Each structure stands twice: as C-alpha cells, then as structure tokens.
C-alpha cells in the first residue's frame, strides 16, 4: 500500500510552498505521526507528519518550490520502495525585480502571490539543491519566498499609501521606575517579566480610542472604521520579519500581553506562527530599539493606517522645571497614511502615547 505525501493548503492566497527541510532521508523507515518535512510558504512554516508507517521515498529535494497539492514523497508499506521518483510540479522562480530586499521593521501582511516566470526543470529526487553561484567577488542566490513577499509588500505600501512620519520623544523614567518597583512580585505572580512592550501596547490602545481616525483603513472609495483593538507586534526572525496580532488588546491585562508576546516570539523562532496569527491587525508596533536603532521611519503595514516605531532608550540631558537633568529618553516615530489621517490627528495621537508613558497611571485609569 502506498501513501502519498502532498503539500497541504495553507490559506486562500497561498499557491506554493518551499521544501525547506527533510527530517528523514530517502529510504528511511518512518512511523505514523513522525515529522517528515518542514514546508515554508511566503507567510508561515509548518511541519508535515507521516500519515502511515512505511519506507519514505522522497520525490522533491530540499530547496525546491512546488505548488499546493503537489506530490513530494510516498510512503511504501513494504520494506523497500519499488517506485521510481516522480517529478512534482515546480513553481517557476519570479522574474528579477528592482524592488528592495532589505526589510524595515514594518510589513508582514499577506498579499497576492508573485507571478512566476520560467526556470530549469526539477533536479532528480535525493539530489541537494544547487548551491549559490559565486565568482569569488559576488554570490548569486535565490530569494526565499518570505523575502520575495517582503519586497512586494514594501513596494505595495509605498505605491498605494501617502506615507508621512511624525516624531516625538518620551521620558521613560516613570515606566522604568514602576517596572523596577513591581518586577519581583509581577514575576512571582504571573511567571513572566513586565517588559516595555505591554506599556506601549496599552498606550497605543488608549490613543486609538482617543483618535479613532487612526483606527481605520481605506477600502476603494470607502473608509472602514474599526471598533476593535487588535495590535500587531513586529518580531524579527532569522528568516525575516513577522507581525503576529494581539487580539482585543484593550481587554487584556499587562501580564496577558507579555505572555502572548513571549509565546509569539518563541513560535516565530521555531517557525510555528500560523496565518491566523498574522491577520486582522488594525495598528502595528515595531521596536527598532532592540537592534540599537536611535531613530527610523517605519513603513505602513497595509491596509493599516498607522505604525509606531520604538527606539533605543538613551540617557540624554533634558530641561525639567528650568533645570538640565539626565533622563532615559526614547524617540518615537509614527508613520501614517496621510490620505486618511491629518497631521493634527497624527500629532495628537503620538502625544497621547507620550502622555500615557510618562504618567503610566493614565493607562490604569484609561485616561
């Protein structure tokens, strides 16, 4: 008896997947439930398990991109496989494009798949993919599906929205003092540290309530107003940026937000983020300060109308009550769609975030 191993569907807009890694070798015995292969799409990664016991016959090697539903392996019930490897339909590589491959911390929202062009046929089963071509001075390698999606998304954001960025700075003294005062008890009670991100998520939620025009999007000739507060939090991985969404952040405690972010970070690192995790956000937060960024202009995450950029906390001299003092300061950047959000509203929104962070009691009182 033969069991086919096919690429499963991963969402309406996902048409192909990359065979990222075989966890078993060609000819290995496998048992039902064992992980056979890791598949990557332009959105998420998932692991495909064996549906039966038998001997694995790999038809598509690592590194190849195949269509959803493609046959990539077989499991033979007998001791040895008697079938010759078959060729599975390979999705052609995209044509070269002048779009940037670098990723400002901003976009991971699904968009339409990149149209393909022609390329060489699939190499025989069991053979490793061709290594990057190098002449000693340069190296040419194929873009990953995620990187191609990122490039497309960035160009889409720049071409379809009127992006403008406004800046401010926030004194982080009050938040840092509060964290220091309650950290031990917070960890003891909730089992997770009280970080900065939960304060920013709560501050963004309050600002969205006070300036509802930012919590909206343009759809054709219509304006869609959101009456919920699902906040995307950018998380960097070795393979690219993902922006999982904290659902109903306005209804969650600080501890719940911190736990959800930690869970997303762990799953992102392990390639366990799902498509549902990435969809439906109304606003995003990107923390370039994690990498030491002092100031940046984040790019919108379409169809959202705003994204907040956090940055590194730096001890700087500031004037307080006529005196020069040293305070832990952070620059904030709000990029917004100027087609929908006016400058006055954008500045008001960012000031509300600043006020909430400099007086965190406002967050508890929703002021």
Protein backbone atom coordinates (compact mmCIF):
# COMPACT_ATOMS: atom_id res chain seq x y z
CA UNK A 1 0.00 0.00 0.00
CA UNK A 2 1.28 3.45 -0.91
CA UNK A 3 0.52 6.67 0.98
CA UNK A 4 1.05 9.90 -0.94
CA UNK A 5 2.66 12.86 0.79
CA UNK A 6 1.27 16.06 -0.72
CA UNK A 7 1.65 19.76 0.05
CA UNK A 8 -1.42 20.79 2.05
CA UNK A 9 -3.35 24.02 1.54
CA UNK A 10 -2.16 26.86 3.79
CA UNK A 11 -4.63 29.66 3.10
CA UNK A 12 -6.60 31.20 0.26
CA UNK A 13 -3.78 33.30 -1.17
CA UNK A 14 -1.03 30.68 -0.73
CA UNK A 15 -0.37 28.89 -4.05
CA UNK A 16 3.01 27.30 -3.41
CA UNK A 17 5.41 26.13 -0.73
CA UNK A 18 9.13 25.56 -0.39
CA UNK A 19 10.50 22.19 0.72
CA UNK A 20 12.70 23.68 3.43
CA UNK A 21 13.97 20.57 5.20
CA UNK A 22 13.50 16.83 5.11
CA UNK A 23 13.71 15.39 8.63
CA UNK A 24 14.07 11.87 7.20
CA UNK A 25 16.31 10.55 4.44
CA UNK A 26 15.23 8.81 1.27
CA UNK A 27 14.68 5.14 2.15
CA UNK A 28 14.28 5.70 5.89
CA UNK A 29 11.63 3.82 7.81
CA UNK A 30 9.03 6.15 9.29
CA UNK A 31 6.18 5.73 11.73
CA UNK A 32 2.79 7.38 11.68
CA UNK A 33 2.93 10.81 13.37
CA UNK A 34 6.66 11.37 12.84
CA UNK A 35 7.66 14.70 11.30
CA UNK A 36 8.72 14.18 7.71
CA UNK A 37 9.34 17.62 6.27
CA UNK A 38 9.20 21.33 7.05
CA UNK A 39 7.35 23.36 4.41
CA UNK A 40 7.68 27.13 4.12
CA UNK A 41 5.27 29.46 2.38
CA UNK A 42 5.60 33.22 1.95
CA UNK A 43 3.74 33.60 5.26
CA UNK A 44 4.40 30.71 7.64
CA UNK A 45 6.21 27.42 8.12
CA UNK A 46 4.62 24.13 9.06
CA UNK A 47 5.69 20.56 9.67
CA UNK A 48 4.12 17.68 7.77
CA UNK A 49 3.76 14.38 9.61
CA UNK A 50 3.66 10.83 8.27
CA UNK A 51 0.11 9.55 7.79
CA UNK A 52 1.19 5.88 7.99
CA UNK A 53 4.09 3.54 8.75
CA UNK A 54 6.45 2.52 5.98
CA UNK A 55 9.53 3.43 3.94
CA UNK A 56 9.91 7.03 2.76
CA UNK A 57 10.51 7.72 -0.92
CA UNK A 58 11.43 11.40 -1.44
CA UNK A 59 10.36 12.83 -4.78
CA UNK A 60 11.26 16.51 -4.30
CA UNK A 61 14.58 17.59 -2.76
CA UNK A 62 15.14 20.36 -0.27
CA UNK A 63 15.13 23.90 -1.62
CA UNK A 64 12.53 23.31 -4.34
CA UNK A 65 9.31 25.31 -4.63
CA UNK A 66 6.20 23.32 -5.51
CA UNK A 67 2.53 24.01 -6.00
CA UNK A 68 -0.07 23.41 -3.29
CA UNK A 69 -1.29 19.81 -3.70
CA UNK A 70 1.95 18.65 -5.31
CA UNK A 71 3.18 15.12 -4.60
CA UNK A 72 6.54 15.41 -2.82
CA UNK A 73 7.00 11.91 -1.40
CA UNK A 74 5.49 8.47 -0.94
CA UNK A 75 5.39 6.07 1.97
CA UNK A 76 5.55 2.41 0.96
CA UNK A 77 4.08 -0.14 3.34
CA UNK A 78 6.61 -2.81 2.30
CA UNK A 79 10.20 -2.92 3.48
CA UNK A 80 11.60 -1.18 0.41
CA UNK A 81 10.16 1.25 -2.06
CA UNK A 82 9.67 -0.15 -5.56
CA UNK A 83 8.66 3.09 -7.22
CA UNK A 84 10.92 5.37 -9.18
CA UNK A 85 10.91 9.01 -8.06
CA UNK A 86 8.44 11.12 -9.98
CA UNK A 87 8.75 14.74 -10.92
CA UNK A 88 6.48 17.05 -8.97
CA UNK A 89 5.27 20.31 -10.47
CA UNK A 90 7.74 23.03 -9.59
CA UNK A 91 6.63 26.62 -9.33
CA UNK A 92 8.93 28.73 -11.54
CA UNK A 93 11.07 31.40 -9.92
CA UNK A 94 9.94 35.02 -10.11
CA UNK A 95 11.50 37.39 -12.60
CA UNK A 96 14.21 39.73 -11.39
CA UNK A 97 12.74 42.86 -9.89
CA UNK A 98 14.22 46.19 -8.82
CA UNK A 99 12.33 46.14 -5.53
CA UNK A 100 14.43 46.29 -2.34
CA UNK A 101 15.20 43.05 -0.48
CA UNK A 102 16.01 44.79 2.81
CA UNK A 103 13.33 44.86 5.49
CA UNK A 104 12.47 47.91 7.52
CA UNK A 105 10.59 46.61 10.54
CA UNK A 106 7.10 47.03 9.24
CA UNK A 107 5.34 44.60 6.98
CA UNK A 108 4.18 41.03 7.12
CA UNK A 109 0.61 41.21 5.97
CA UNK A 110 -0.41 38.69 3.29
CA UNK A 111 -0.75 40.00 -0.27
CA UNK A 112 -1.33 38.42 -3.67
CA UNK A 113 1.28 35.85 -4.79
CA UNK A 114 4.17 36.93 -7.01
CA UNK A 115 3.64 35.93 -10.66
CA UNK A 116 6.14 33.32 -11.90
CA UNK A 117 8.38 33.07 -14.96
CA UNK A 118 10.25 30.08 -16.45
CA UNK A 119 13.20 28.24 -14.97
CA UNK A 120 15.10 24.96 -15.28
CA UNK A 121 13.34 21.62 -14.55
CA UNK A 122 13.35 19.93 -11.14
CA UNK A 123 16.60 18.07 -10.27
CA UNK A 124 16.31 14.31 -9.62
CA UNK A 125 14.97 13.22 -6.24
CA UNK A 126 17.52 12.93 -3.49
CA UNK A 127 19.93 15.43 -5.05
CA UNK A 128 20.63 18.58 -3.00
CA UNK A 129 19.59 21.92 -4.48
CA UNK A 130 22.17 23.82 -6.48
CA UNK A 131 24.44 25.93 -4.24
CA UNK A 132 24.62 29.71 -4.66
CA UNK A 133 26.71 30.70 -7.67
CA UNK A 134 29.85 32.65 -6.79
CA UNK A 135 32.70 34.08 -8.86
CA UNK A 136 34.76 34.98 -5.79
CA UNK A 137 33.62 38.61 -5.77
CA UNK A 138 29.86 38.21 -5.72
CA UNK A 139 27.40 35.44 -4.87
CA UNK A 140 24.02 34.92 -6.51
CA UNK A 141 21.35 33.02 -4.60
CA UNK A 142 17.62 32.61 -4.97
CA UNK A 143 15.42 34.84 -2.83
CA UNK A 144 13.36 33.00 -0.24
CA UNK A 145 9.59 33.07 -0.54
CA UNK A 146 9.34 35.20 2.58
CA UNK A 147 11.90 37.70 1.28
CA UNK A 148 10.08 37.98 -2.04
CA UNK A 149 6.82 38.61 -0.19
CA UNK A 150 8.51 41.27 1.95
CA UNK A 151 9.88 43.02 -1.14
CA UNK A 152 6.47 43.01 -2.80
CA UNK A 153 4.78 44.23 0.37
CA UNK A 154 7.17 47.15 0.85
CA UNK A 155 6.71 48.35 -2.72
CA UNK A 156 2.95 47.93 -2.39
CA UNK A 157 2.93 50.07 0.77
CA UNK A 158 4.99 52.82 -0.85
CA UNK A 159 2.91 52.89 -4.03
CA UNK A 160 -0.59 52.75 -2.56
CA UNK A 161 -0.41 54.97 0.54
CA UNK A 162 0.63 58.56 1.19
CA UNK A 163 3.07 57.74 3.97
CA UNK A 164 4.17 60.52 6.30
CA UNK A 165 6.06 60.25 9.60
CA UNK A 166 5.88 62.46 12.68
CA UNK A 167 8.30 62.26 15.62
CA UNK A 168 8.36 62.92 19.33
CA UNK A 169 10.33 61.78 22.36
CA UNK A 170 9.26 60.24 25.64
CA UNK A 171 10.84 60.29 29.08
CA UNK A 172 10.86 56.63 30.17
CA UNK A 173 11.68 57.38 33.83
CA UNK A 174 8.18 56.67 35.19
CA UNK A 175 7.80 53.36 33.33
CA UNK A 176 11.29 52.22 34.36
CA UNK A 177 10.70 53.11 38.00
CA UNK A 178 7.35 51.32 38.02
CA UNK A 179 8.86 48.19 36.46
CA UNK A 180 11.67 48.20 38.99
CA UNK A 181 9.26 48.58 41.90
CA UNK A 182 6.91 45.72 40.95
CA UNK A 183 9.08 43.40 38.86
CA UNK A 184 9.79 40.75 41.51
CA UNK A 185 6.16 40.47 42.60
CA UNK A 186 4.97 40.57 39.00
CA UNK A 187 7.21 37.64 38.02
CA UNK A 188 6.25 35.71 41.14
CA UNK A 189 2.54 36.11 40.44
CA UNK A 190 2.41 35.85 36.66
CA UNK A 191 5.51 33.86 35.75
CA UNK A 192 6.65 36.41 33.18
CA UNK A 193 8.63 39.65 33.31
CA UNK A 194 6.95 43.02 32.96
CA UNK A 195 8.52 44.42 29.81
CA UNK A 196 8.22 47.71 27.96
CA UNK A 197 6.04 46.37 25.16
CA UNK A 198 2.91 45.89 27.27
CA UNK A 199 3.06 49.59 28.24
CA UNK A 200 3.34 50.59 24.59
CA UNK A 201 0.50 48.29 23.54
CA UNK A 202 -1.75 49.77 26.23
CA UNK A 203 -0.71 53.32 25.29
CA UNK A 204 -1.49 52.64 21.62
CA UNK A 205 -4.91 51.25 22.54
CA UNK A 206 -5.71 54.39 24.54
CA UNK A 207 -4.52 56.63 21.70
CA UNK A 208 -6.66 54.70 19.20
CA UNK A 209 -9.70 55.29 21.41
CA UNK A 210 -8.92 59.00 21.67
CA UNK A 211 -8.08 59.46 17.96
CA UNK A 212 -10.31 56.91 16.18
CA UNK A 213 -9.37 58.09 12.68
CA UNK A 214 -6.09 56.21 13.05
CA UNK A 215 -8.09 53.04 13.77
CA UNK A 216 -9.46 52.91 10.24
CA UNK A 217 -8.47 51.96 6.73
CA UNK A 218 -9.27 52.91 3.15
CA UNK A 219 -11.02 50.32 1.00
CA UNK A 220 -11.67 51.59 -2.51
CA UNK A 221 -13.72 54.75 -2.12
CA UNK A 222 -14.84 53.82 1.40
CA UNK A 223 -13.43 54.36 4.88
CA UNK A 224 -13.71 51.31 7.14
CA UNK A 225 -13.78 52.24 10.84
CA UNK A 226 -12.57 49.54 13.24
CA UNK A 227 -14.24 49.25 16.62
CA UNK A 228 -11.78 46.70 17.99
CA UNK A 229 -8.14 46.89 19.01
CA UNK A 230 -6.06 44.07 17.52
CA UNK A 231 -2.45 45.25 17.70
CA UNK A 232 0.35 43.77 15.59
CA UNK A 233 3.78 43.43 17.22
CA UNK A 234 6.76 43.05 14.88
CA UNK A 235 9.08 40.14 15.72
CA UNK A 236 12.35 39.59 13.90
CA UNK A 237 13.50 36.08 12.98
CA UNK A 238 16.45 34.65 11.07
CA UNK A 239 14.20 34.23 8.03
CA UNK A 240 12.52 37.64 8.13
CA UNK A 241 10.03 39.76 9.99
CA UNK A 242 6.60 38.59 11.12
CA UNK A 243 3.88 40.69 12.75
CA UNK A 244 1.61 38.47 14.85
CA UNK A 245 -1.52 40.14 16.23
CA UNK A 246 -2.59 40.58 19.85
CA UNK A 247 -6.36 40.13 19.69
CA UNK A 248 -8.55 42.53 21.70
CA UNK A 249 -5.54 44.12 23.40
CA UNK A 250 -7.86 46.58 25.12
CA UNK A 251 -9.38 43.73 27.12
CA UNK A 252 -6.08 42.11 28.13
CA UNK A 253 -4.00 42.66 31.26
CA UNK A 254 -0.35 43.64 31.19
CA UNK A 255 0.56 40.07 32.18
CA UNK A 256 -1.57 38.55 29.42
CA UNK A 257 0.01 40.83 26.82
CA UNK A 258 3.52 39.93 27.99
CA UNK A 259 2.69 36.21 27.90
CA UNK A 260 1.19 36.46 24.42
CA UNK A 261 4.22 38.33 23.08
CA UNK A 262 6.59 35.77 24.62
CA UNK A 263 4.57 32.94 23.11
CA UNK A 264 4.61 34.57 19.68
CA UNK A 265 8.38 35.17 19.90
CA UNK A 266 9.00 31.52 20.78
CA UNK A 267 6.76 30.24 18.00
CA UNK A 268 8.27 32.67 15.49
CA UNK A 269 11.75 31.40 16.32
CA UNK A 270 10.57 27.79 15.89
CA UNK A 271 8.66 28.53 12.69
CA UNK A 272 5.29 27.79 14.34
CA UNK A 273 3.49 31.05 13.52
CA UNK A 274 0.23 30.41 11.66
CA UNK A 275 -1.54 32.51 9.06
CA UNK A 276 -4.33 33.32 11.51
CA UNK A 277 -1.72 34.79 13.88
CA UNK A 278 -0.76 37.37 11.24
CA UNK A 279 -4.14 38.54 10.01
CA UNK A 280 -6.58 41.21 11.11
CA UNK A 281 -4.45 43.79 12.91
CA UNK A 282 -5.59 47.43 12.97
CA UNK A 283 -2.26 49.01 14.01
CA UNK A 284 1.34 47.80 14.36
CA UNK A 285 4.27 48.44 16.71
CA UNK A 286 7.88 47.95 15.65
CA UNK A 287 10.75 48.04 18.13
CA UNK A 288 13.92 49.02 16.31
CA UNK A 289 15.50 49.76 19.68
CA UNK A 290 16.04 46.02 20.10
CA UNK A 291 18.80 46.32 17.49
CA UNK A 292 20.10 49.66 18.74
CA UNK A 293 18.22 51.95 16.36
CA UNK A 294 18.02 55.52 17.64
CA UNK A 295 15.57 56.84 15.03
CA UNK A 296 13.80 55.42 11.98
CA UNK A 297 10.72 55.85 9.78
CA UNK A 298 8.70 52.61 9.83
CA UNK A 299 6.69 51.64 6.75
CA UNK A 300 2.95 51.02 6.98
CA UNK A 301 1.54 47.52 7.19
CA UNK A 302 -1.30 47.75 4.59
CA UNK A 303 -4.22 48.11 4.89
CA UNK A 304 -3.47 49.62 8.31
CA UNK A 305 -3.23 53.40 8.54
CA UNK A 306 -0.59 53.69 11.25
CA UNK A 307 2.53 52.09 12.71
CA UNK A 308 4.52 53.14 15.79
CA UNK A 309 8.29 52.89 15.81
CA UNK A 310 10.00 52.40 19.19
CA UNK A 311 13.73 53.04 19.54
CA UNK A 312 16.66 52.64 21.90
CA UNK A 313 16.47 54.28 25.33
CA UNK A 314 19.33 56.72 25.69
CA UNK A 315 20.45 58.79 28.67
CA UNK A 316 20.23 62.40 27.46
CA UNK A 317 20.21 65.88 29.02
CA UNK A 318 16.74 67.45 29.04
CA UNK A 319 15.23 70.55 30.60
CA UNK A 320 12.88 69.84 33.54
CA UNK A 321 11.43 72.76 35.51
CA UNK A 322 14.16 75.06 34.25
CA UNK A 323 16.97 72.64 35.18
CA UNK A 324 19.09 70.43 32.94
CA UNK A 325 18.80 66.81 34.08
CA UNK A 326 19.79 63.45 32.65
CA UNK A 327 16.80 61.27 31.77
CA UNK A 328 16.27 57.97 29.89
CA UNK A 329 14.76 59.20 26.64
CA UNK A 330 13.30 57.37 23.66
CA UNK A 331 12.45 58.78 20.25
CA UNK A 332 9.03 57.75 18.92
CA UNK A 333 8.04 57.69 15.25
CA UNK A 334 4.50 57.44 13.93
CA UNK A 335 4.12 56.68 10.23
CA UNK A 336 0.59 57.15 8.95
CA UNK A 337 -1.48 57.23 5.78
CA UNK A 338 -1.99 60.92 5.08
CA UNK A 339 -4.91 60.12 2.77
CA UNK A 340 -6.94 59.23 5.85
CA UNK A 341 -5.15 60.79 8.82
CA UNK A 342 -4.46 64.52 9.01
CA UNK A 343 -1.31 65.94 10.55
CA UNK A 344 -3.19 67.32 13.55
CA UNK A 345 -4.65 63.91 14.31
CA UNK A 346 -1.30 62.17 13.88
CA UNK A 347 0.47 64.58 16.23
CA UNK A 348 -2.35 64.30 18.77
CA UNK A 349 -2.16 60.50 18.58
CA UNK A 350 1.59 60.47 19.25
CA UNK A 351 1.30 62.95 22.10
CA UNK A 352 -1.35 60.76 23.73
CA UNK A 353 1.10 57.85 23.65
CA UNK A 354 3.78 60.08 25.17
CA UNK A 355 1.42 61.23 27.94
CA UNK A 356 0.41 57.68 28.81
CA UNK A 357 4.02 56.51 29.07
CA UNK A 358 5.23 59.48 31.10
CA UNK A 359 2.32 59.04 33.53
CA UNK A 360 1.55 55.27 33.45
CA UNK A 361 -1.29 55.68 35.95
CA UNK A 362 -3.27 57.02 32.97
CA UNK A 363 -3.17 53.52 31.48
CA UNK A 364 -4.76 52.00 34.58
CA UNK A 365 -7.46 54.70 34.58
CA UNK A 366 -7.85 54.74 30.77
CA UNK A 367 -7.17 58.48 30.66
